[in-house]
C-alpha atoms as a PDB file:
ATOM      1  CA  UNK A   1     -25.967   9.103  -5.000  1.00  0.00           C
ATOM      2  CA  UNK A   2     -27.356   8.295  -1.607  1.00  0.00           C
ATOM      3  CA  UNK A   3     -23.794   7.927  -0.238  1.00  0.00           C
ATOM      4  CA  UNK A   4     -22.394  10.995  -2.166  1.00  0.00           C
ATOM      5  CA  UNK A   5     -25.261  13.213  -0.539  1.00  0.00           C
ATOM      6  CA  UNK A   6     -24.461  11.902   2.905  1.00  0.00           C
ATOM      7  CA  UNK A   7     -20.508  12.317   2.823  1.00  0.00           C
ATOM      8  CA  UNK A   8     -20.494  15.538   0.914  1.00  0.00           C
ATOM      9  CA  UNK A   9     -16.933  16.778   0.397  1.00  0.00           C
ATOM     10  CA  UNK A  10     -15.323  14.101   2.558  1.00  0.00           C
ATOM     11  CA  UNK A  11     -15.200  11.861  -0.587  1.00  0.00           C
ATOM     12  CA  UNK A  12     -15.444  11.878  -4.396  1.00  0.00           C
ATOM     13  CA  UNK A  13     -17.823   8.951  -5.549  1.00  0.00           C
ATOM     14  CA  UNK A  14     -16.702   7.368  -9.025  1.00  0.00           C
ATOM     15  CA  UNK A  15     -18.593   4.783 -10.760  1.00  0.00           C
ATOM     16  CA  UNK A  16     -16.420   2.776 -13.312  1.00  0.00           C
ATOM     17  CA  UNK A  17     -18.193   0.448 -15.938  1.00  0.00           C
ATOM     18  CA  UNK A  18     -15.901  -2.414 -15.912  1.00  0.00           C
ATOM     19  CA  UNK A  19     -17.285  -3.640 -19.297  1.00  0.00           C
ATOM     20  CA  UNK A  20     -16.509  -0.533 -21.014  1.00  0.00           C
ATOM     21  CA  UNK A  21     -12.988  -0.282 -19.220  1.00  0.00           C
ATOM     22  CA  UNK A  22     -11.590  -3.903 -19.096  1.00  0.00           C
ATOM     23  CA  UNK A  23      -7.977  -2.664 -18.827  1.00  0.00           C
ATOM     24  CA  UNK A  24      -8.762  -0.671 -15.598  1.00  0.00           C
ATOM     25  CA  UNK A  25     -10.725  -3.565 -14.127  1.00  0.00           C
ATOM     26  CA  UNK A  26      -7.771  -5.827 -14.690  1.00  0.00           C
ATOM     27  CA  UNK A  27      -5.346  -3.260 -13.165  1.00  0.00           C
ATOM     28  CA  UNK A  28      -7.421  -2.909 -10.287  1.00  0.00           C
ATOM     29  CA  UNK A  29      -7.960  -6.775  -9.943  1.00  0.00           C
ATOM     30  CA  UNK A  30     -11.692  -6.402  -9.946  1.00  0.00           C
ATOM     31  CA  UNK A  31     -13.119  -9.872 -10.163  1.00  0.00           C
ATOM     32  CA  UNK A  32     -16.653  -9.241  -8.713  1.00  0.00           C
ATOM     33  CA  UNK A  33     -19.155  -6.598  -9.188  1.00  0.00           C
ATOM     34  CA  UNK A  34     -19.634  -4.411  -7.411  1.00  0.00           C
ATOM     35  CA  UNK A  35     -16.349  -3.693  -5.950  1.00  0.00           C
ATOM     36  CA  UNK A  36     -15.938  -0.736  -3.638  1.00  0.00           C
ATOM     37  CA  UNK A  37     -12.410   0.736  -3.295  1.00  0.00           C
ATOM     38  CA  UNK A  38     -11.700   3.590  -0.932  1.00  0.00           C
ATOM     39  CA  UNK A  39      -8.376   5.558  -1.880  1.00  0.00           C
ATOM     40  CA  UNK A  40      -6.731   8.045   0.439  1.00  0.00           C
ATOM     41  CA  UNK A  41      -3.994   9.960  -1.060  1.00  0.00           C
ATOM     42  CA  UNK A  42      -3.535   7.513  -3.870  1.00  0.00           C
ATOM     43  CA  UNK A  43      -3.413   4.506  -1.525  1.00  0.00           C
ATOM     44  CA  UNK A  44      -5.988   1.877  -1.215  1.00  0.00           C
ATOM     45  CA  UNK A  45      -7.365   1.992   2.422  1.00  0.00           C
ATOM     46  CA  UNK A  46     -10.319  -0.266   2.127  1.00  0.00           C
ATOM     47  CA  UNK A  47     -11.696  -2.728  -0.514  1.00  0.00           C
ATOM     48  CA  UNK A  48     -14.851  -4.809  -0.611  1.00  0.00           C
ATOM     49  CA  UNK A  49     -16.536  -6.862  -3.140  1.00  0.00           C
ATOM     50  CA  UNK A  50     -20.353  -7.454  -3.146  1.00  0.00           C
ATOM     51  CA  UNK A  51     -23.337  -5.295  -2.197  1.00  0.00           C
ATOM     52  CA  UNK A  52     -22.793  -2.804   0.765  1.00  0.00           C
ATOM     53  CA  UNK A  53     -25.463  -0.784   2.351  1.00  0.00           C
ATOM     54  CA  UNK A  54     -25.256   2.987   2.247  1.00  0.00           C
ATOM     55  CA  UNK A  55     -24.782   3.004   5.962  1.00  0.00           C
ATOM     56  CA  UNK A  56     -21.707   0.778   5.702  1.00  0.00           C
ATOM     57  CA  UNK A  57     -20.279   2.929   2.970  1.00  0.00           C
ATOM     58  CA  UNK A  58     -20.784   6.102   4.957  1.00  0.00           C
ATOM     59  CA  UNK A  59     -19.414   4.625   8.101  1.00  0.00           C
ATOM     60  CA  UNK A  60     -16.158   3.622   6.330  1.00  0.00           C
ATOM     61  CA  UNK A  61     -15.705   6.988   4.471  1.00  0.00           C
ATOM     62  CA  UNK A  62     -16.370   8.615   7.876  1.00  0.00           C
ATOM     63  CA  UNK A  63     -13.663   6.546   9.726  1.00  0.00           C
ATOM     64  CA  UNK A  64     -11.074   7.302   7.164  1.00  0.00           C
ATOM     65  CA  UNK A  65     -11.997  11.068   6.758  1.00  0.00           C
ATOM     66  CA  UNK A  66     -11.140  11.444  10.473  1.00  0.00           C
ATOM     67  CA  UNK A  67      -7.764   9.868  10.072  1.00  0.00           C
END
């Protein structure tokens, strides 16, 4: 919620429950939780497993929003 508030319309934040959606987790090759994936026009631009600070996430989104 903090990141969503900071990035506004630059990105849409979606949280997926991998326990409730195991097929999607397998399709996305998610092995660790949390896993953050940034898509741009349907293409994976950035992916990271493990906790990330709100600052890191907003920086990554800002970097790709400029591209």
